[in-house]
PDB file of all heavy atoms in Angstrom:
ATOM      1  N   LYS A   1      -8.812  17.582  18.540  1.00  0.00           N
ATOM      2  CA  LYS A   1      -9.701  16.629  19.196  1.00  0.00           C
ATOM      3  C   LYS A   1      -9.947  15.358  18.403  1.00  0.00           C
ATOM      4  O   LYS A   1     -10.480  14.394  18.939  1.00  0.00           O
ATOM      5  CB  LYS A   1     -11.029  17.302  19.535  1.00  0.00           C
ATOM      6  CG  LYS A   1     -10.898  18.445  20.541  1.00  0.00           C
ATOM      7  CD  LYS A   1     -12.237  19.004  20.943  1.00  0.00           C
ATOM      8  CE  LYS A   1     -12.066  20.102  21.985  1.00  0.00           C
ATOM      9  NZ  LYS A   1     -13.361  20.653  22.452  1.00  0.00           N
ATOM     10  N   ASP A   2      -9.591  15.364  17.120  1.00  0.00           N
ATOM     11  CA  ASP A   2      -9.817  14.169  16.329  1.00  0.00           C
ATOM     12  C   ASP A   2      -8.580  13.284  16.235  1.00  0.00           C
ATOM     13  O   ASP A   2      -8.632  12.229  15.598  1.00  0.00           O
ATOM     14  CB  ASP A   2     -10.293  14.534  14.929  1.00  0.00           C
ATOM     15  CG  ASP A   2      -9.258  15.329  14.146  1.00  0.00           C
ATOM     16  OD1 ASP A   2      -8.379  15.968  14.799  1.00  0.00           O
ATOM     17  OD2 ASP A   2      -9.322  15.325  12.897  1.00  0.00           O
ATOM     18  N   ASN A   3      -7.461  13.696  16.866  1.00  0.00           N
ATOM     19  CA  ASN A   3      -6.284  12.856  16.724  1.00  0.00           C
ATOM     20  C   ASN A   3      -6.293  11.698  17.721  1.00  0.00           C
ATOM     21  O   ASN A   3      -7.036  11.679  18.706  1.00  0.00           O
ATOM     22  CB  ASN A   3      -4.988  13.670  16.790  1.00  0.00           C
ATOM     23  CG  ASN A   3      -4.656  14.188  18.176  1.00  0.00           C
ATOM     24  OD1 ASN A   3      -5.113  13.692  19.205  1.00  0.00           O
ATOM     25  ND2 ASN A   3      -3.809  15.208  18.215  1.00  0.00           N
ATOM     26  N   ILE A   4      -5.437  10.730  17.457  1.00  0.00           N
ATOM     27  CA  ILE A   4      -5.415   9.499  18.245  1.00  0.00           C
ATOM     28  C   ILE A   4      -5.022   9.779  19.688  1.00  0.00           C
ATOM     29  O   ILE A   4      -5.618   9.242  20.632  1.00  0.00           O
ATOM     30  CB  ILE A   4      -4.447   8.487  17.606  1.00  0.00           C
ATOM     31  CG1 ILE A   4      -4.921   8.127  16.189  1.00  0.00           C
ATOM     32  CG2 ILE A   4      -4.317   7.236  18.459  1.00  0.00           C
ATOM     33  CD1 ILE A   4      -3.917   7.305  15.396  1.00  0.00           C
ATOM     34  N   LEU A   5      -4.022  10.620  19.893  1.00  0.00           N
ATOM     35  CA  LEU A   5      -3.542  10.935  21.240  1.00  0.00           C
ATOM     36  C   LEU A   5      -4.653  11.523  22.098  1.00  0.00           C
ATOM     37  O   LEU A   5      -4.881  11.082  23.232  1.00  0.00           O
ATOM     38  CB  LEU A   5      -2.357  11.897  21.160  1.00  0.00           C
ATOM     39  CG  LEU A   5      -1.829  12.434  22.496  1.00  0.00           C
ATOM     40  CD1 LEU A   5      -1.341  11.299  23.387  1.00  0.00           C
ATOM     41  CD2 LEU A   5      -0.701  13.455  22.261  1.00  0.00           C
ATOM     42  N   PHE A   6      -5.326  12.520  21.575  1.00  0.00           N
ATOM     43  CA  PHE A   6      -6.399  13.173  22.325  1.00  0.00           C
ATOM     44  C   PHE A   6      -7.520  12.187  22.651  1.00  0.00           C
ATOM     45  O   PHE A   6      -7.996  12.124  23.782  1.00  0.00           O
ATOM     46  CB  PHE A   6      -6.946  14.354  21.522  1.00  0.00           C
ATOM     47  CG  PHE A   6      -8.022  15.139  22.227  1.00  0.00           C
ATOM     48  CD1 PHE A   6      -7.699  16.270  22.959  1.00  0.00           C
ATOM     49  CD2 PHE A   6      -9.353  14.755  22.156  1.00  0.00           C
ATOM     50  CE1 PHE A   6      -8.686  16.999  23.618  1.00  0.00           C
ATOM     51  CE2 PHE A   6     -10.347  15.482  22.803  1.00  0.00           C
ATOM     52  CZ  PHE A   6     -10.006  16.601  23.536  1.00  0.00           C
ATOM     53  N   GLN A   7      -7.944  11.417  21.674  1.00  0.00           N
ATOM     54  CA  GLN A   7      -9.042  10.481  21.860  1.00  0.00           C
ATOM     55  C   GLN A   7      -8.717   9.420  22.909  1.00  0.00           C
ATOM     56  O   GLN A   7      -9.539   9.120  23.789  1.00  0.00           O
ATOM     57  CB  GLN A   7      -9.387   9.805  20.528  1.00  0.00           C
ATOM     58  CG  GLN A   7     -10.001  10.741  19.485  1.00  0.00           C
ATOM     59  CD  GLN A   7     -11.433  11.096  19.788  1.00  0.00           C
ATOM     60  OE1 GLN A   7     -12.201  10.247  20.265  1.00  0.00           O
ATOM     61  NE2 GLN A   7     -11.820  12.330  19.531  1.00  0.00           N
ATOM     62  N   LEU A   8      -7.515   8.850  22.829  1.00  0.00           N
ATOM     63  CA  LEU A   8      -7.129   7.826  23.790  1.00  0.00           C
ATOM     64  C   LEU A   8      -6.952   8.409  25.190  1.00  0.00           C
ATOM     65  O   LEU A   8      -7.407   7.824  26.183  1.00  0.00           O
ATOM     66  CB  LEU A   8      -5.835   7.142  23.343  1.00  0.00           C
ATOM     67  CG  LEU A   8      -5.952   6.173  22.164  1.00  0.00           C
ATOM     68  CD1 LEU A   8      -4.578   5.624  21.792  1.00  0.00           C
ATOM     69  CD2 LEU A   8      -6.892   5.021  22.487  1.00  0.00           C
ATOM     70  N   ALA A   9      -6.299   9.565  25.275  1.00  0.00           N
ATOM     71  CA  ALA A   9      -6.068  10.195  26.580  1.00  0.00           C
ATOM     72  C   ALA A   9      -7.378  10.529  27.266  1.00  0.00           C
ATOM     73  O   ALA A   9      -7.552  10.286  28.469  1.00  0.00           O
ATOM     74  CB  ALA A   9      -5.211  11.452  26.403  1.00  0.00           C
ATOM     75  N   LEU A  10      -8.311  11.091  26.513  1.00  0.00           N
ATOM     76  CA  LEU A  10      -9.609  11.455  27.071  1.00  0.00           C
ATOM     77  C   LEU A  10     -10.389  10.215  27.514  1.00  0.00           C
ATOM     78  O   LEU A  10     -10.973  10.189  28.611  1.00  0.00           O
ATOM     79  CB  LEU A  10     -10.414  12.249  26.044  1.00  0.00           C
ATOM     80  CG  LEU A  10     -11.781  12.779  26.507  1.00  0.00           C
ATOM     81  CD1 LEU A  10     -11.607  13.746  27.686  1.00  0.00           C
ATOM     82  CD2 LEU A  10     -12.500  13.490  25.345  1.00  0.00           C
ATOM     83  N   ALA A  11     -10.388   9.181  26.683  1.00  0.00           N
ATOM     84  CA  ALA A  11     -11.120   7.957  27.018  1.00  0.00           C
ATOM     85  C   ALA A  11     -10.562   7.291  28.268  1.00  0.00           C
ATOM     86  O   ALA A  11     -11.323   6.824  29.132  1.00  0.00           O
ATOM     87  CB  ALA A  11     -11.069   6.987  25.837  1.00  0.00           C
ATOM     88  N   ILE A  12      -9.245   7.249  28.389  1.00  0.00           N
ATOM     89  CA  ILE A  12      -8.613   6.625  29.552  1.00  0.00           C
ATOM     90  C   ILE A  12      -8.926   7.380  30.832  1.00  0.00           C
ATOM     91  O   ILE A  12      -9.294   6.788  31.859  1.00  0.00           O
ATOM     92  CB  ILE A  12      -7.089   6.511  29.333  1.00  0.00           C
ATOM     93  CG1 ILE A  12      -6.796   5.503  28.218  1.00  0.00           C
ATOM     94  CG2 ILE A  12      -6.378   6.108  30.620  1.00  0.00           C
ATOM     95  CD1 ILE A  12      -5.343   5.481  27.761  1.00  0.00           C
ATOM     96  N   ASP A  13      -8.820   8.709  30.792  1.00  0.00           N
ATOM     97  CA  ASP A  13      -9.090   9.502  31.992  1.00  0.00           C
ATOM     98  C   ASP A  13     -10.573   9.448  32.377  1.00  0.00           C
ATOM     99  O   ASP A  13     -10.912   9.397  33.563  1.00  0.00           O
ATOM    100  CB  ASP A  13      -8.660  10.950  31.771  1.00  0.00           C
ATOM    101  CG  ASP A  13      -7.167  11.144  32.016  1.00  0.00           C
ATOM    102  OD1 ASP A  13      -6.432  10.130  31.973  1.00  0.00           O
ATOM    103  OD2 ASP A  13      -6.721  12.285  32.229  1.00  0.00           O
ATOM    104  N   GLN A  14     -11.462   9.472  31.380  1.00  0.00           N
ATOM    105  CA  GLN A  14     -12.889   9.384  31.689  1.00  0.00           C
ATOM    106  C   GLN A  14     -13.232   8.043  32.332  1.00  0.00           C
ATOM    107  O   GLN A  14     -14.073   7.975  33.239  1.00  0.00           O
ATOM    108  CB  GLN A  14     -13.713   9.597  30.413  1.00  0.00           C
ATOM    109  CG  GLN A  14     -13.761  11.046  29.947  1.00  0.00           C
ATOM    110  CD  GLN A  14     -14.556  11.228  28.668  1.00  0.00           C
ATOM    111  OE1 GLN A  14     -14.771  10.284  27.902  1.00  0.00           O
ATOM    112  NE2 GLN A  14     -15.022  12.461  28.428  1.00  0.00           N
ATOM    113  N   PHE A  15     -12.585   6.987  31.909  1.00  0.00           N
ATOM    114  CA  PHE A  15     -12.818   5.681  32.532  1.00  0.00           C
ATOM    115  C   PHE A  15     -12.309   5.660  33.965  1.00  0.00           C
ATOM    116  O   PHE A  15     -12.992   5.178  34.868  1.00  0.00           O
ATOM    117  CB  PHE A  15     -12.139   4.590  31.711  1.00  0.00           C
ATOM    118  CG  PHE A  15     -12.191   3.236  32.358  1.00  0.00           C
ATOM    119  CD1 PHE A  15     -13.379   2.523  32.417  1.00  0.00           C
ATOM    120  CD2 PHE A  15     -11.051   2.669  32.936  1.00  0.00           C
ATOM    121  CE1 PHE A  15     -13.434   1.271  33.029  1.00  0.00           C
ATOM    122  CE2 PHE A  15     -11.090   1.432  33.539  1.00  0.00           C
ATOM    123  CZ  PHE A  15     -12.288   0.729  33.585  1.00  0.00           C
ATOM    124  N   LYS A  16     -11.110   6.201  34.168  1.00  0.00           N
ATOM    125  CA  LYS A  16     -10.542   6.208  35.515  1.00  0.00           C
ATOM    126  C   LYS A  16     -11.357   7.073  36.465  1.00  0.00           C
ATOM    127  O   LYS A  16     -11.420   6.794  37.672  1.00  0.00           O
ATOM    128  CB  LYS A  16      -9.097   6.707  35.469  1.00  0.00           C
ATOM    129  CG  LYS A  16      -8.128   5.708  34.836  1.00  0.00           C
ATOM    130  CD  LYS A  16      -6.694   6.219  34.903  1.00  0.00           C
ATOM    131  CE  LYS A  16      -5.719   5.169  34.388  1.00  0.00           C
ATOM    132  NZ  LYS A  16      -4.312   5.630  34.474  1.00  0.00           N
ATOM    133  N   ASN A  17     -11.991   8.127  35.941  1.00  0.00           N
ATOM    134  CA  ASN A  17     -12.803   9.018  36.761  1.00  0.00           C
ATOM    135  C   ASN A  17     -14.246   8.537  36.896  1.00  0.00           C
ATOM    136  O   ASN A  17     -15.080   9.222  37.501  1.00  0.00           O
ATOM    137  CB  ASN A  17     -12.788  10.439  36.185  1.00  0.00           C
ATOM    138  CG  ASN A  17     -11.396  11.060  36.202  1.00  0.00           C
ATOM    139  OD1 ASN A  17     -10.553  10.715  37.029  1.00  0.00           O
ATOM    140  ND2 ASN A  17     -11.142  11.971  35.258  1.00  0.00           N
ATOM    141  N   GLY A  18     -14.563   7.406  36.314  1.00  0.00           N
ATOM    142  CA  GLY A  18     -15.912   6.877  36.388  1.00  0.00           C
ATOM    143  C   GLY A  18     -16.915   7.579  35.505  1.00  0.00           C
ATOM    144  O   GLY A  18     -18.126   7.425  35.678  1.00  0.00           O
ATOM    145  N   GLU A  19     -16.449   8.335  34.531  1.00  0.00           N
ATOM    146  CA  GLU A  19     -17.342   9.080  33.645  1.00  0.00           C
ATOM    147  C   GLU A  19     -17.791   8.257  32.439  1.00  0.00           C
ATOM    148  O   GLU A  19     -18.683   8.682  31.699  1.00  0.00           O
ATOM    149  CB  GLU A  19     -16.644  10.353  33.170  1.00  0.00           C
ATOM    150  CG  GLU A  19     -16.265  11.305  34.303  1.00  0.00           C
ATOM    151  CD  GLU A  19     -15.413  12.468  33.816  1.00  0.00           C
ATOM    152  OE1 GLU A  19     -15.506  12.777  32.609  1.00  0.00           O
ATOM    153  OE2 GLU A  19     -14.666  13.059  34.605  1.00  0.00           O
ATOM    154  N   SER A  20     -17.175   7.127  32.195  1.00  0.00           N
ATOM    155  CA  SER A  20     -17.578   6.240  31.103  1.00  0.00           C
ATOM    156  C   SER A  20     -17.388   4.798  31.536  1.00  0.00           C
ATOM    157  O   SER A  20     -16.498   4.481  32.341  1.00  0.00           O
ATOM    158  CB  SER A  20     -16.782   6.530  29.831  1.00  0.00           C
ATOM    159  OG  SER A  20     -15.416   6.253  30.003  1.00  0.00           O
ATOM    160  N   GLY A  21     -18.204   3.912  30.970  1.00  0.00           N
ATOM    161  CA  GLY A  21     -18.138   2.506  31.337  1.00  0.00           C
ATOM    162  C   GLY A  21     -17.128   1.746  30.514  1.00  0.00           C
ATOM    163  O   GLY A  21     -16.473   2.280  29.612  1.00  0.00           O
ATOM    164  N   VAL A  22     -17.014   0.450  30.793  1.00  0.00           N
ATOM    165  CA  VAL A  22     -16.049  -0.410  30.120  1.00  0.00           C
ATOM    166  C   VAL A  22     -16.326  -0.491  28.623  1.00  0.00           C
ATOM    167  O   VAL A  22     -15.428  -0.312  27.798  1.00  0.00           O
ATOM    168  CB  VAL A  22     -16.054  -1.823  30.743  1.00  0.00           C
ATOM    169  CG1 VAL A  22     -15.189  -2.783  29.904  1.00  0.00           C
ATOM    170  CG2 VAL A  22     -15.554  -1.783  32.168  1.00  0.00           C
ATOM    171  N   ASP A  23     -17.566  -0.747  28.256  1.00  0.00           N
ATOM    172  CA  ASP A  23     -17.912  -0.938  26.844  1.00  0.00           C
ATOM    173  C   ASP A  23     -17.603   0.307  26.011  1.00  0.00           C
ATOM    174  O   ASP A  23     -17.039   0.216  24.917  1.00  0.00           O
ATOM    175  CB  ASP A  23     -19.384  -1.311  26.696  1.00  0.00           C
ATOM    176  CG  ASP A  23     -19.690  -2.707  27.232  1.00  0.00           C
ATOM    177  OD1 ASP A  23     -18.724  -3.500  27.418  1.00  0.00           O
ATOM    178  OD2 ASP A  23     -20.877  -3.003  27.474  1.00  0.00           O
ATOM    179  N   GLN A  24     -17.992   1.470  26.526  1.00  0.00           N
ATOM    180  CA  GLN A  24     -17.742   2.721  25.802  1.00  0.00           C
ATOM    181  C   GLN A  24     -16.251   2.983  25.661  1.00  0.00           C
ATOM    182  O   GLN A  24     -15.777   3.397  24.600  1.00  0.00           O
ATOM    183  CB  GLN A  24     -18.419   3.887  26.520  1.00  0.00           C
ATOM    184  CG  GLN A  24     -18.249   5.225  25.796  1.00  0.00           C
ATOM    185  CD  GLN A  24     -18.884   6.378  26.567  1.00  0.00           C
ATOM    186  OE1 GLN A  24     -19.568   6.183  27.590  1.00  0.00           O
ATOM    187  NE2 GLN A  24     -18.682   7.596  26.073  1.00  0.00           N
ATOM    188  N   THR A  25     -15.513   2.740  26.738  1.00  0.00           N
ATOM    189  CA  THR A  25     -14.069   2.963  26.715  1.00  0.00           C
ATOM    190  C   THR A  25     -13.376   2.027  25.740  1.00  0.00           C
ATOM    191  O   THR A  25     -12.515   2.449  24.954  1.00  0.00           O
ATOM    192  CB  THR A  25     -13.474   2.787  28.120  1.00  0.00           C
ATOM    193  OG1 THR A  25     -14.139   3.648  29.036  1.00  0.00           O
ATOM    194  CG2 THR A  25     -11.979   3.095  28.120  1.00  0.00           C
ATOM    195  N   VAL A  26     -13.754   0.749  25.797  1.00  0.00           N
ATOM    196  CA  VAL A  26     -13.148  -0.232  24.897  1.00  0.00           C
ATOM    197  C   VAL A  26     -13.459   0.106  23.444  1.00  0.00           C
ATOM    198  O   VAL A  26     -12.585   0.000  22.571  1.00  0.00           O
ATOM    199  CB  VAL A  26     -13.646  -1.653  25.240  1.00  0.00           C
ATOM    200  CG1 VAL A  26     -13.206  -2.646  24.156  1.00  0.00           C
ATOM    201  CG2 VAL A  26     -13.106  -2.089  26.599  1.00  0.00           C
ATOM    202  N   GLU A  27     -14.677   0.546  23.159  1.00  0.00           N
ATOM    203  CA  GLU A  27     -15.041   0.910  21.789  1.00  0.00           C
ATOM    204  C   GLU A  27     -14.178   2.057  21.280  1.00  0.00           C
ATOM    205  O   GLU A  27     -13.690   2.033  20.143  1.00  0.00           O
ATOM    206  CB  GLU A  27     -16.518   1.298  21.739  1.00  0.00           C
ATOM    207  CG  GLU A  27     -17.092   1.419  20.327  1.00  0.00           C
ATOM    208  CD  GLU A  27     -16.818   2.771  19.675  1.00  0.00           C
ATOM    209  OE1 GLU A  27     -16.703   3.767  20.421  1.00  0.00           O
ATOM    210  OE2 GLU A  27     -16.696   2.825  18.432  1.00  0.00           O
TER     211      GLU A  27
END
């Protein structure tokens, strides 16, 4: 869960699903 692949994949999917906003995703 701490690797780059997991973090980016999770952030991208959460944004697409509306589970996170732009600012959180970009951060």
